[in-house]
Amino acid sequence: MGVTLTKIVEKMELRNLTPDVDMTQREVKIPDINRPALQLAGFFDHFDCERIQLIGYVEYTYLQTLEYEHKMKIYDTLLEYGIPCFIFCRNLQPDPEFLEKAVKNNIPVFITDKQTSSFSAELIRWMKEEKGVLCVFHYIPLHTAPAGLKFGRFSGEDVYTTKESERLMRLPMYYSLSMEDVKYITDCLLEYQDY
C-alpha cells in the first residue's frame, strides 16, 4: 500500500513543472527519498529508483559543473528508470532538457521553495510532539566529534559531510525495542504522510 502522488503534492504544496505527465493513478510505495548524487556522477549500482528523487543545492550545483553532452547522457540514463517523481528544492529550476526528457519518460517533476533540512526538522518535530517518538539527527560527523578532533584528521575539504549530516534522522533503535514499538514508530511515520 502506498500514498498517491497527488496527495503528496497537495500536502507538501509542490508546484508541477510537468503538467503533461498524468500523475492521477500514481502511487509512491516506498515512503522515503533519495538524493541521487551518486547517480548524477554516473554510478547506478544499487540505485533505489522506487523512491522519490530529491534534488537539493548540492546536486543542482554539481549538475551545473557538467559539460552539456555528459549531462544529457546522465539525464538519459537517470530518467530511464521508473522513478515516481523528482522534486527540486529551494526553487532551483531544472534545465529545460531535463524537463523535456522527464515528460518523454512519463516522470513528473515538481518544485518547492522548502529546504531539505527544514523538511527534516518538521518531520522530527511532528514525530516528537504529535506522536511521542523521539527521533534525532542521524549522526555527528566523526571529524567534529570529540574523539575525531582528538585522534583523527579530516582529509581534504569538507564539502558534503557536515552539510549532509544535518539532513539525516535517526529513529529509535535499541536492544529492548519490542516489535510493538517498531510497529508504532513505523505507523507514526506512515501517518506523517497523511498529516
C-alpha atoms as a PDB file:
ATOM      1  CA  MET A   1       0.000   0.000   0.000  1.00  0.00           C
ATOM      2  CA  GLY A   2       1.360   3.379  -0.956  1.00  0.00           C
ATOM      3  CA  VAL A   3       0.485   7.040  -0.965  1.00  0.00           C
ATOM      4  CA  THR A   4      -0.901   8.710  -4.055  1.00  0.00           C
ATOM      5  CA  LEU A   5       1.403  11.182  -5.673  1.00  0.00           C
ATOM      6  CA  THR A   6      -1.435  13.712  -5.819  1.00  0.00           C
ATOM      7  CA  LYS A   7      -1.754  13.527  -2.005  1.00  0.00           C
ATOM      8  CA  ILE A   8       1.983  14.145  -1.556  1.00  0.00           C
ATOM      9  CA  VAL A   9       1.873  17.070  -3.978  1.00  0.00           C
ATOM     10  CA  GLU A  10      -1.061  18.584  -2.092  1.00  0.00           C
ATOM     11  CA  LYS A  11       0.377  18.029   1.413  1.00  0.00           C
ATOM     12  CA  MET A  12       3.824  19.341   0.527  1.00  0.00           C
ATOM     13  CA  GLU A  13       2.444  22.202  -1.607  1.00  0.00           C
ATOM     14  CA  LEU A  14       4.556  21.235  -4.605  1.00  0.00           C
ATOM     15  CA  ARG A  15       4.326  23.008  -7.948  1.00  0.00           C
ATOM     16  CA  ASN A  16       4.073  20.789 -11.002  1.00  0.00           C
ATOM     17  CA  LEU A  17       6.654  21.505 -13.721  1.00  0.00           C
ATOM     18  CA  THR A  18       5.403  18.691 -15.972  1.00  0.00           C
ATOM     19  CA  PRO A  19       1.625  19.122 -16.250  1.00  0.00           C
ATOM     20  CA  ASP A  20       1.573  16.931 -19.380  1.00  0.00           C
ATOM     21  CA  VAL A  21       2.502  13.894 -17.260  1.00  0.00           C
ATOM     22  CA  ASP A  22      -0.567  12.164 -15.812  1.00  0.00           C
ATOM     23  CA  MET A  23       0.011  11.512 -12.109  1.00  0.00           C
ATOM     24  CA  THR A  24      -3.563  10.744 -11.047  1.00  0.00           C
ATOM     25  CA  GLN A  25      -3.048   6.970 -10.859  1.00  0.00           C
ATOM     26  CA  ARG A  26       0.487   7.053  -9.466  1.00  0.00           C
ATOM     27  CA  GLU A  27       1.407   5.739  -6.030  1.00  0.00           C
ATOM     28  CA  VAL A  28       4.622   6.122  -4.092  1.00  0.00           C
ATOM     29  CA  LYS A  29       5.118   2.742  -2.473  1.00  0.00           C
ATOM     30  CA  ILE A  30       8.355   3.462  -0.589  1.00  0.00           C
ATOM     31  CA  PRO A  31       7.911   6.267   1.971  1.00  0.00           C
ATOM     32  CA  ASP A  32      11.442   7.532   1.628  1.00  0.00           C
ATOM     33  CA  ILE A  33      13.502   9.811  -0.544  1.00  0.00           C
ATOM     34  CA  ASN A  34      16.785   9.514  -2.372  1.00  0.00           C
ATOM     35  CA  ARG A  35      19.220  12.290  -3.122  1.00  0.00           C
ATOM     36  CA  PRO A  36      20.731  10.991  -6.377  1.00  0.00           C
ATOM     37  CA  ALA A  37      24.209  12.498  -6.063  1.00  0.00           C
ATOM     38  CA  LEU A  38      25.967   9.245  -6.954  1.00  0.00           C
ATOM     39  CA  GLN A  39      23.660   8.657  -9.902  1.00  0.00           C
ATOM     40  CA  LEU A  40      24.334  12.160 -11.210  1.00  0.00           C
ATOM     41  CA  ALA A  41      28.012  11.241 -11.046  1.00  0.00           C
ATOM     42  CA  GLY A  42      27.267   8.158 -13.174  1.00  0.00           C
ATOM     43  CA  PHE A  43      27.111   5.419 -10.502  1.00  0.00           C
ATOM     44  CA  PHE A  44      23.873   3.430 -10.752  1.00  0.00           C
ATOM     45  CA  ASP A  45      24.720   0.202  -8.897  1.00  0.00           C
ATOM     46  CA  HIS A  46      22.095  -0.442  -6.184  1.00  0.00           C
ATOM     47  CA  PHE A  47      20.141   2.669  -7.219  1.00  0.00           C
ATOM     48  CA  ASP A  48      16.818   2.696  -5.368  1.00  0.00           C
ATOM     49  CA  CYS A  49      14.709   4.117  -8.166  1.00  0.00           C
ATOM     50  CA  GLU A  50      11.399   3.423  -6.396  1.00  0.00           C
ATOM     51  CA  ARG A  51      11.951   6.355  -4.063  1.00  0.00           C
ATOM     52  CA  ILE A  52      11.117   9.995  -4.664  1.00  0.00           C
ATOM     53  CA  GLN A  53      14.261  11.661  -6.007  1.00  0.00           C
ATOM     54  CA  LEU A  54      15.136  14.942  -4.303  1.00  0.00           C
ATOM     55  CA  ILE A  55      17.427  17.480  -5.935  1.00  0.00           C
ATOM     56  CA  GLY A  56      18.929  19.895  -3.449  1.00  0.00           C
ATOM     57  CA  TYR A  57      21.571  22.556  -3.699  1.00  0.00           C
ATOM     58  CA  VAL A  58      24.486  20.099  -3.745  1.00  0.00           C
ATOM     59  CA  GLU A  59      23.055  18.019  -6.596  1.00  0.00           C
ATOM     60  CA  TYR A  60      21.957  21.101  -8.513  1.00  0.00           C
ATOM     61  CA  THR A  61      25.357  22.767  -8.191  1.00  0.00           C
ATOM     62  CA  TYR A  62      27.087  19.584  -9.328  1.00  0.00           C
ATOM     63  CA  LEU A  63      24.884  19.436 -12.429  1.00  0.00           C
ATOM     64  CA  GLN A  64      25.981  22.965 -13.330  1.00  0.00           C
ATOM     65  CA  THR A  65      29.609  21.781 -13.490  1.00  0.00           C
ATOM     66  CA  LEU A  66      28.949  19.079 -16.110  1.00  0.00           C
ATOM     67  CA  GLU A  67      29.643  19.534 -19.794  1.00  0.00           C
ATOM     68  CA  TYR A  68      26.466  19.567 -21.860  1.00  0.00           C
ATOM     69  CA  GLU A  69      26.933  16.206 -23.635  1.00  0.00           C
ATOM     70  CA  HIS A  70      27.832  14.402 -20.414  1.00  0.00           C
ATOM     71  CA  LYS A  71      24.885  15.957 -18.582  1.00  0.00           C
ATOM     72  CA  MET A  72      22.499  14.829 -21.328  1.00  0.00           C
ATOM     73  CA  LYS A  73      23.883  11.281 -21.092  1.00  0.00           C
ATOM     74  CA  ILE A  74      23.336  11.274 -17.304  1.00  0.00           C
ATOM     75  CA  TYR A  75      19.793  12.633 -17.742  1.00  0.00           C
ATOM     76  CA  ASP A  76      19.032   9.910 -20.314  1.00  0.00           C
ATOM     77  CA  THR A  77      20.262   7.129 -18.034  1.00  0.00           C
ATOM     78  CA  LEU A  78      18.635   8.506 -14.875  1.00  0.00           C
ATOM     79  CA  LEU A  79      15.275   9.125 -16.493  1.00  0.00           C
ATOM     80  CA  GLU A  80      15.062   5.617 -17.985  1.00  0.00           C
ATOM     81  CA  TYR A  81      14.349   4.256 -14.501  1.00  0.00           C
ATOM     82  CA  GLY A  82      10.746   4.016 -13.265  1.00  0.00           C
ATOM     83  CA  ILE A  83      11.128   6.866 -10.797  1.00  0.00           C
ATOM     84  CA  PRO A  84       7.932   8.062  -9.033  1.00  0.00           C
ATOM     85  CA  CYS A  85       8.937  11.727  -9.346  1.00  0.00           C
ATOM     86  CA  PHE A  86      11.655  14.333  -8.938  1.00  0.00           C
ATOM     87  CA  ILE A  87      11.396  17.249  -6.526  1.00  0.00           C
ATOM     88  CA  PHE A  88      13.693  20.243  -6.921  1.00  0.00           C
ATOM     89  CA  CYS A  89      14.130  22.134  -3.630  1.00  0.00           C
ATOM     90  CA  ARG A  90      14.899  25.782  -2.922  1.00  0.00           C
ATOM     91  CA  ASN A  91      13.128  26.903  -6.111  1.00  0.00           C
ATOM     92  CA  LEU A  92      16.032  25.514  -8.107  1.00  0.00           C
ATOM     93  CA  GLN A  93      14.935  25.359 -11.740  1.00  0.00           C
ATOM     94  CA  PRO A  94      15.728  22.196 -13.702  1.00  0.00           C
ATOM     95  CA  ASP A  95      17.216  22.503 -17.161  1.00  0.00           C
ATOM     96  CA  PRO A  96      14.636  22.611 -19.973  1.00  0.00           C
ATOM     97  CA  GLU A  97      16.292  19.459 -21.356  1.00  0.00           C
ATOM     98  CA  PHE A  98      15.699  17.668 -18.059  1.00  0.00           C
ATOM     99  CA  LEU A  99      12.013  18.563 -18.141  1.00  0.00           C
ATOM    100  CA  GLU A 100      11.710  17.515 -21.778  1.00  0.00           C
ATOM    101  CA  LYS A 101      13.312  14.128 -21.076  1.00  0.00           C
ATOM    102  CA  ALA A 102      11.172  13.657 -17.956  1.00  0.00           C
ATOM    103  CA  VAL A 103       7.980  14.214 -19.949  1.00  0.00           C
ATOM    104  CA  LYS A 104       9.228  11.832 -22.642  1.00  0.00           C
ATOM    105  CA  ASN A 105       9.771   9.171 -19.934  1.00  0.00           C
ATOM    106  CA  ASN A 106       6.475   9.971 -18.168  1.00  0.00           C
ATOM    107  CA  ILE A 107       8.157  11.127 -14.930  1.00  0.00           C
ATOM    108  CA  PRO A 108       6.595  14.032 -13.011  1.00  0.00           C
ATOM    109  CA  VAL A 109       8.865  16.850 -11.852  1.00  0.00           C
ATOM    110  CA  PHE A 110       7.933  19.221  -9.033  1.00  0.00           C
ATOM    111  CA  ILE A 111       9.487  22.215  -7.353  1.00  0.00           C
ATOM    112  CA  THR A 112       9.304  23.617  -3.837  1.00  0.00           C
ATOM    113  CA  ASP A 113      10.841  26.536  -2.031  1.00  0.00           C
ATOM    114  CA  LYS A 114      11.487  24.338   1.027  1.00  0.00           C
ATOM    115  CA  GLN A 115      14.965  23.250   2.025  1.00  0.00           C
ATOM    116  CA  THR A 116      15.725  19.636   2.861  1.00  0.00           C
ATOM    117  CA  SER A 117      16.912  20.485   6.357  1.00  0.00           C
ATOM    118  CA  SER A 118      13.651  22.358   7.059  1.00  0.00           C
ATOM    119  CA  PHE A 119      11.637  19.349   5.963  1.00  0.00           C
ATOM    120  CA  SER A 120      13.686  17.035   8.208  1.00  0.00           C
ATOM    121  CA  ALA A 121      13.200  19.383  11.146  1.00  0.00           C
ATOM    122  CA  GLU A 122       9.449  19.434  10.510  1.00  0.00           C
ATOM    123  CA  LEU A 123       9.285  15.650  10.478  1.00  0.00           C
ATOM    124  CA  ILE A 124      11.378  15.311  13.658  1.00  0.00           C
ATOM    125  CA  ARG A 125       9.197  17.864  15.454  1.00  0.00           C
ATOM    126  CA  TRP A 126       5.996  16.148  14.325  1.00  0.00           C
ATOM    127  CA  MET A 127       7.205  12.721  15.412  1.00  0.00           C
ATOM    128  CA  LYS A 128       8.125  14.002  18.882  1.00  0.00           C
ATOM    129  CA  GLU A 129       5.258  16.392  19.618  1.00  0.00           C
ATOM    130  CA  GLU A 130       2.396  14.639  17.874  1.00  0.00           C
ATOM    131  CA  LYS A 131       3.381  11.000  18.236  1.00  0.00           C
ATOM    132  CA  GLY A 132       5.748  10.848  21.228  1.00  0.00           C
ATOM    133  CA  VAL A 133       8.552   9.206  19.213  1.00  0.00           C
ATOM    134  CA  LEU A 134      11.999  10.650  19.782  1.00  0.00           C
ATOM    135  CA  CYS A 135      13.960  10.991  16.565  1.00  0.00           C
ATOM    136  CA  VAL A 136      17.308  12.704  16.375  1.00  0.00           C
ATOM    137  CA  PHE A 137      19.688  13.808  13.692  1.00  0.00           C
ATOM    138  CA  HIS A 138      21.448  10.780  12.302  1.00  0.00           C
ATOM    139  CA  TYR A 139      24.998  11.408  13.410  1.00  0.00           C
ATOM    140  CA  ILE A 140      27.650  13.929  14.240  1.00  0.00           C
ATOM    141  CA  PRO A 141      30.418  13.669  11.652  1.00  0.00           C
ATOM    142  CA  LEU A 142      33.440  11.951  13.160  1.00  0.00           C
ATOM    143  CA  HIS A 143      35.779  14.790  12.300  1.00  0.00           C
ATOM    144  CA  THR A 144      33.721  17.160  14.504  1.00  0.00           C
ATOM    145  CA  ALA A 145      33.112  14.706  17.374  1.00  0.00           C
ATOM    146  CA  PRO A 146      35.413  14.980  20.429  1.00  0.00           C
ATOM    147  CA  ALA A 147      37.217  11.693  19.651  1.00  0.00           C
ATOM    148  CA  GLY A 148      37.583  12.661  15.999  1.00  0.00           C
ATOM    149  CA  LEU A 149      39.049  16.024  16.943  1.00  0.00           C
ATOM    150  CA  LYS A 150      41.466  14.394  19.356  1.00  0.00           C
ATOM    151  CA  PHE A 151      42.559  11.313  17.403  1.00  0.00           C
ATOM    152  CA  GLY A 152      41.651  11.868  13.764  1.00  0.00           C
ATOM    153  CA  ARG A 153      42.146  14.262  10.941  1.00  0.00           C
ATOM    154  CA  PHE A 154      39.972  15.357   8.058  1.00  0.00           C
ATOM    155  CA  SER A 155      41.494  14.876   4.646  1.00  0.00           C
ATOM    156  CA  GLY A 156      40.549  17.429   2.009  1.00  0.00           C
ATOM    157  CA  GLU A 157      37.772  19.985   2.073  1.00  0.00           C
ATOM    158  CA  ASP A 158      34.518  19.310   3.940  1.00  0.00           C
ATOM    159  CA  VAL A 159      32.181  19.898   1.018  1.00  0.00           C
ATOM    160  CA  TYR A 160      29.442  17.398   1.891  1.00  0.00           C
ATOM    161  CA  THR A 161      29.916  15.573   5.208  1.00  0.00           C
ATOM    162  CA  THR A 162      28.782  18.202   7.691  1.00  0.00           C
ATOM    163  CA  LYS A 163      26.065  19.581   5.409  1.00  0.00           C
ATOM    164  CA  GLU A 164      24.597  16.135   4.674  1.00  0.00           C
ATOM    165  CA  SER A 165      24.731  15.088   8.343  1.00  0.00           C
ATOM    166  CA  GLU A 166      22.197  17.835   9.085  1.00  0.00           C
ATOM    167  CA  ARG A 167      19.673  16.182   6.748  1.00  0.00           C
ATOM    168  CA  LEU A 168      19.547  12.736   8.326  1.00  0.00           C
ATOM    169  CA  MET A 169      17.323  11.480  11.095  1.00  0.00           C
ATOM    170  CA  ARG A 170      17.851   8.537  13.430  1.00  0.00           C
ATOM    171  CA  LEU A 171      14.814   6.624  14.609  1.00  0.00           C
ATOM    172  CA  PRO A 172      14.783   4.895  17.991  1.00  0.00           C
ATOM    173  CA  MET A 173      16.788   1.674  17.901  1.00  0.00           C
ATOM    174  CA  TYR A 174      17.965  -0.277  20.912  1.00  0.00           C
ATOM    175  CA  TYR A 175      18.197  -3.874  22.094  1.00  0.00           C
ATOM    176  CA  SER A 176      14.979  -3.985  24.118  1.00  0.00           C
ATOM    177  CA  LEU A 177      12.839  -2.322  21.435  1.00  0.00           C
ATOM    178  CA  SER A 178       9.798  -4.541  21.042  1.00  0.00           C
ATOM    179  CA  MET A 179       8.072  -5.363  17.759  1.00  0.00           C
ATOM    180  CA  GLU A 180       5.070  -3.408  19.041  1.00  0.00           C
ATOM    181  CA  ASP A 181       7.342  -0.356  19.456  1.00  0.00           C
ATOM    182  CA  VAL A 182       8.718  -0.833  15.941  1.00  0.00           C
ATOM    183  CA  LYS A 183       5.179  -1.058  14.559  1.00  0.00           C
ATOM    184  CA  TYR A 184       4.128   2.077  16.464  1.00  0.00           C
ATOM    185  CA  ILE A 185       7.122   4.067  15.176  1.00  0.00           C
ATOM    186  CA  THR A 186       6.508   2.841  11.626  1.00  0.00           C
ATOM    187  CA  ASP A 187       2.814   3.675  11.858  1.00  0.00           C
ATOM    188  CA  CYS A 188       3.723   7.176  13.072  1.00  0.00           C
ATOM    189  CA  LEU A 189       5.970   7.708  10.066  1.00  0.00           C
ATOM    190  CA  LEU A 190       3.299   6.468   7.702  1.00  0.00           C
ATOM    191  CA  GLU A 191       0.707   8.659   9.397  1.00  0.00           C
ATOM    192  CA  TYR A 192       3.004  11.639   8.895  1.00  0.00           C
ATOM    193  CA  GLN A 193       2.427  11.260   5.174  1.00  0.00           C
ATOM    194  CA  ASP A 194      -1.267  11.828   5.827  1.00  0.00           C
ATOM    195  CA  TYR A 195      -0.783  14.666   8.358  1.00  0.00           C
END
